[in-house]
N, C-alpha and C. Protein backbone atom coordinates (compact mmCIF):
# COMPACT_ATOMS: atom_id res chain seq x y z
N UNK A 1 135.02 147.01 93.13
CA UNK A 1 134.11 147.18 93.93
C UNK A 1 134.47 147.99 95.71
N UNK A 2 133.79 149.24 95.97
CA UNK A 2 133.79 149.30 97.26
C UNK A 2 132.95 149.25 98.09
N UNK A 3 132.72 148.88 99.77
CA UNK A 3 132.12 148.66 100.56
C UNK A 3 131.11 149.04 99.93
N UNK A 4 130.65 150.51 100.28
CA UNK A 4 129.79 151.29 99.91
C UNK A 4 128.47 150.52 99.11
N UNK A 5 128.95 150.61 97.82
CA UNK A 5 128.83 149.57 96.81
C UNK A 5 127.98 148.84 96.75
N UNK A 6 128.79 147.65 97.20
CA UNK A 6 128.52 146.59 97.63
C UNK A 6 126.84 146.61 98.71
N UNK A 7 127.63 147.36 99.58
CA UNK A 7 126.06 147.23 100.75
C UNK A 7 125.17 148.00 99.96
N UNK A 8 124.97 148.74 99.23
CA UNK A 8 124.36 149.47 98.67
C UNK A 8 122.81 148.56 97.80
N UNK A 9 124.14 147.32 96.73
CA UNK A 9 123.12 146.31 95.99
C UNK A 9 122.62 146.02 97.23
N UNK A 10 123.16 145.08 98.25
CA UNK A 10 122.49 144.65 99.24
C UNK A 10 121.56 145.36 99.82
N UNK A 11 121.09 146.15 100.04
CA UNK A 11 119.83 147.25 100.76
C UNK A 11 118.93 147.65 99.94
N UNK A 12 119.22 147.38 98.09
CA UNK A 12 118.71 147.90 97.27
C UNK A 12 117.63 146.30 97.07
N UNK A 13 118.35 145.37 96.77
CA UNK A 13 117.74 144.23 97.22
C UNK A 13 116.96 143.78 97.94
N UNK A 14 117.29 144.15 99.21
CA UNK A 14 116.41 143.25 99.81
C UNK A 14 115.53 143.81 100.63
N UNK A 15 115.88 145.13 100.24
CA UNK A 15 114.37 146.08 100.41
C UNK A 15 113.48 146.49 99.38
N UNK A 16 113.91 145.64 97.92
CA UNK A 16 113.45 146.00 97.04
C UNK A 16 113.07 147.15 96.66
N UNK A 17 114.38 148.00 96.44
CA UNK A 17 114.41 149.42 96.43
C UNK A 17 114.03 149.65 94.73
N UNK A 18 114.41 150.97 94.07
CA UNK A 18 114.27 151.07 92.68
C UNK A 18 115.84 151.53 92.70
N UNK A 19 116.22 151.28 91.68
CA UNK A 19 117.77 151.12 91.70
C UNK A 19 118.54 152.82 91.27
N UNK A 20 117.30 154.07 91.49
CA UNK A 20 118.03 155.03 91.42
C UNK A 20 117.56 155.56 92.81
N UNK A 21 117.30 154.73 93.84
CA UNK A 21 117.11 155.74 95.73
C UNK A 21 118.80 155.87 95.80
N UNK A 22 118.72 156.87 96.71
CA UNK A 22 120.02 157.04 97.76
C UNK A 22 120.40 156.51 98.34
N UNK A 23 120.74 155.07 98.14
CA UNK A 23 120.46 154.82 99.67
C UNK A 23 121.43 155.03 101.08
N UNK A 24 122.18 156.18 100.35
CA UNK A 24 122.70 156.86 101.71
C UNK A 24 121.72 157.85 102.54
N UNK A 25 120.65 158.15 102.32
CA UNK A 25 119.60 158.64 103.05
C UNK A 25 118.84 157.64 103.58
N UNK A 26 119.21 156.83 103.67
CA UNK A 26 118.12 155.49 104.45
C UNK A 26 117.89 155.20 105.32
N UNK A 27 117.09 155.54 106.20
CA UNK A 27 117.11 155.21 107.80
C UNK A 27 115.91 154.15 108.42
N UNK A 28 116.12 153.54 108.93
CA UNK A 28 114.99 152.18 109.74
C UNK A 28 114.09 153.02 109.99
N UNK A 29 112.48 152.72 109.00
CA UNK A 29 111.39 152.96 108.99
C UNK A 29 111.53 154.75 108.32
N UNK A 30 112.41 154.58 107.72
CA UNK A 30 112.00 155.96 107.32
C UNK A 30 111.47 155.44 105.34
N UNK A 31 111.54 154.33 105.22
CA UNK A 31 110.84 153.98 104.08
C UNK A 31 109.99 152.64 104.57
N UNK A 32 108.59 152.86 104.54
CA UNK A 32 107.79 151.41 104.66
C UNK A 32 107.72 150.04 104.38
N UNK A 33 109.51 150.65 103.40
CA UNK A 33 109.16 148.42 103.27
C UNK A 33 111.12 148.60 104.38
N UNK A 34 112.08 149.48 105.00
CA UNK A 34 112.30 149.31 105.91
C UNK A 34 111.24 148.73 107.44
N UNK A 35 110.96 147.76 107.56
CA UNK A 35 110.39 147.58 108.64
C UNK A 35 110.79 146.86 109.43
N UNK A 36 110.45 145.66 110.49
CA UNK A 36 111.76 145.08 111.55
C UNK A 36 111.65 144.14 111.56
N UNK A 37 110.71 143.41 110.18
CA UNK A 37 110.57 141.64 109.71
C UNK A 37 112.00 142.35 108.15
N UNK A 38 112.00 143.33 107.60
CA UNK A 38 113.33 143.85 106.64
C UNK A 38 113.88 143.90 107.09
N UNK A 39 114.12 144.34 107.85
CA UNK A 39 115.46 144.99 109.02
C UNK A 39 116.41 143.17 109.08
N UNK A 40 115.41 142.32 110.02
CA UNK A 40 116.07 140.98 109.84
C UNK A 40 116.62 139.93 108.68
N UNK A 41 115.90 140.88 107.51
CA UNK A 41 116.47 140.22 106.55
C UNK A 41 117.67 140.46 105.59
N UNK A 42 117.60 142.33 106.03
CA UNK A 42 118.85 142.65 105.92
C UNK A 42 120.65 142.14 106.69
N UNK A 43 120.18 142.04 107.64
CA UNK A 43 120.77 141.48 108.76
C UNK A 43 121.55 140.01 108.22
N UNK A 44 121.04 139.36 107.76
CA UNK A 44 120.77 137.76 107.39
C UNK A 44 121.65 137.95 106.17
N UNK A 45 121.04 138.35 105.15
CA UNK A 45 122.19 139.38 103.96
C UNK A 45 123.55 140.20 104.30
N UNK A 46 123.88 140.62 104.97
CA UNK A 46 124.84 140.91 105.25
C UNK A 46 125.66 140.13 106.15
N UNK A 47 125.38 139.17 106.51
CA UNK A 47 126.44 138.33 107.42
C UNK A 47 126.51 136.71 105.93
N UNK A 48 125.26 137.17 106.13
CA UNK A 48 126.04 136.23 104.47
C UNK A 48 126.72 136.50 103.66
N UNK A 49 126.83 137.55 103.15
CA UNK A 49 127.39 138.17 102.15
C UNK A 49 128.92 138.40 102.79
N UNK A 50 129.39 138.91 103.71
CA UNK A 50 130.67 138.96 104.32
C UNK A 50 130.93 138.09 105.24
N UNK A 51 130.56 136.39 105.60
CA UNK A 51 130.58 135.61 106.53
C UNK A 51 130.97 135.74 107.31
N UNK A 52 129.83 137.37 108.16
CA UNK A 52 130.31 137.81 109.59
C UNK A 52 129.32 137.08 110.76
N UNK A 53 129.17 137.50 111.57
CA UNK A 53 128.10 137.19 112.47
C UNK A 53 128.20 138.55 113.43
N UNK A 54 127.11 139.14 113.25
CA UNK A 54 126.33 140.60 113.71
C UNK A 54 126.50 139.87 114.86
N UNK A 55 126.17 140.93 116.45
CA UNK A 55 126.17 140.27 117.66
C UNK A 55 125.11 141.66 117.73
N UNK A 56 124.25 141.21 118.75
CA UNK A 56 122.38 141.90 118.94
C UNK A 56 123.08 143.40 119.08
N UNK A 57 123.91 144.15 119.62
CA UNK A 57 124.10 145.51 120.02
C UNK A 57 124.23 145.70 118.01
N UNK A 58 124.57 145.41 117.80
CA UNK A 58 124.94 145.73 116.24
C UNK A 58 123.82 145.64 115.07
N UNK A 59 123.25 144.68 115.40
CA UNK A 59 121.86 144.53 115.07
C UNK A 59 121.03 145.64 115.37
N UNK A 60 121.29 146.46 116.41
CA UNK A 60 120.22 147.32 116.49
C UNK A 60 121.14 148.64 116.61
N UNK A 61 122.07 148.91 115.91
CA UNK A 61 123.00 150.14 115.49
C UNK A 61 122.33 150.26 114.02
N UNK A 62 122.46 148.93 113.41
CA UNK A 62 122.13 148.82 111.65
C UNK A 62 120.83 149.97 111.47
N UNK A 63 120.97 151.17 111.68
CA UNK A 63 119.73 152.53 111.84
C UNK A 63 119.80 153.01 111.03
N UNK A 64 120.29 153.17 109.72
CA UNK A 64 120.58 153.47 108.15
C UNK A 64 121.43 152.78 108.08
N UNK A 65 122.05 153.21 106.16
CA UNK A 65 122.67 152.99 105.41
C UNK A 65 124.37 153.17 105.79
N UNK A 66 124.39 154.17 106.15
CA UNK A 66 125.66 154.76 106.93
C UNK A 66 126.48 154.33 107.78
N UNK A 67 125.14 154.09 108.75
CA UNK A 67 125.73 153.38 110.01
C UNK A 67 126.44 151.66 109.85
N UNK A 68 125.59 150.99 108.78
CA UNK A 68 126.04 149.54 107.75
C UNK A 68 127.05 149.31 107.68
N UNK A 69 127.52 150.71 106.96
CA UNK A 69 128.77 150.57 106.52
C UNK A 69 129.60 150.91 107.34
N UNK A 70 129.25 151.57 108.80
CA UNK A 70 130.66 152.29 109.98
C UNK A 70 130.66 150.52 110.60
N UNK A 71 129.67 150.15 110.91
CA UNK A 71 130.20 148.98 111.58
C UNK A 71 130.53 147.74 110.85
N UNK A 72 129.84 147.70 109.79
CA UNK A 72 130.67 146.63 108.50
C UNK A 72 131.90 146.74 108.34
N UNK A 73 132.11 148.01 108.00
CA UNK A 73 133.50 148.35 107.73
C UNK A 73 134.85 148.48 108.47
N UNK A 74 134.43 148.96 109.83
CA UNK A 74 135.30 149.44 111.00
C UNK A 74 135.82 148.30 111.72
N UNK A 75 134.02 148.37 112.93
CA UNK A 75 134.82 147.08 113.68
C UNK A 75 134.68 145.11 113.53
N UNK A 76 134.06 145.00 111.98
CA UNK A 76 134.33 143.72 111.03
C UNK A 76 135.28 144.02 110.40
N UNK A 77 135.92 144.40 109.78
CA UNK A 77 136.84 145.28 109.52
C UNK A 77 137.06 144.17 107.71
N UNK A 78 135.18 144.66 107.59
CA UNK A 78 135.21 144.27 105.97
C UNK A 78 135.69 144.96 105.04
N UNK A 79 136.41 144.85 103.87
CA UNK A 79 136.67 145.47 102.79
C UNK A 79 136.61 145.05 102.03
N UNK A 80 136.34 145.57 100.92
CA UNK A 80 136.18 145.29 99.20
C UNK A 80 137.11 145.36 98.34
N UNK A 81 137.48 144.49 97.75
CA UNK A 81 138.70 145.24 96.95
C UNK A 81 137.80 145.85 95.36
N UNK A 82 138.50 146.27 95.04
CA UNK A 82 138.36 147.13 93.54
C UNK A 82 137.97 146.14 92.24
């Protein structure tokens, strides 16, 4: 499973989205389900799943699905085995 797939599952679960939603288009507040409270739940889920601690700047920078992929994969070096 790729990092994007794992992140998609987390986004769908935390934001309580339909399975057929194209998560690649998700942006903070682009859906009413991604509000400030849901954002913090998402951050917590990411930290727990990948055993990382996001710094404050990165918490704010995760403003889209793609930003999460970039930050988690690049800065924190998270890789998911197939």
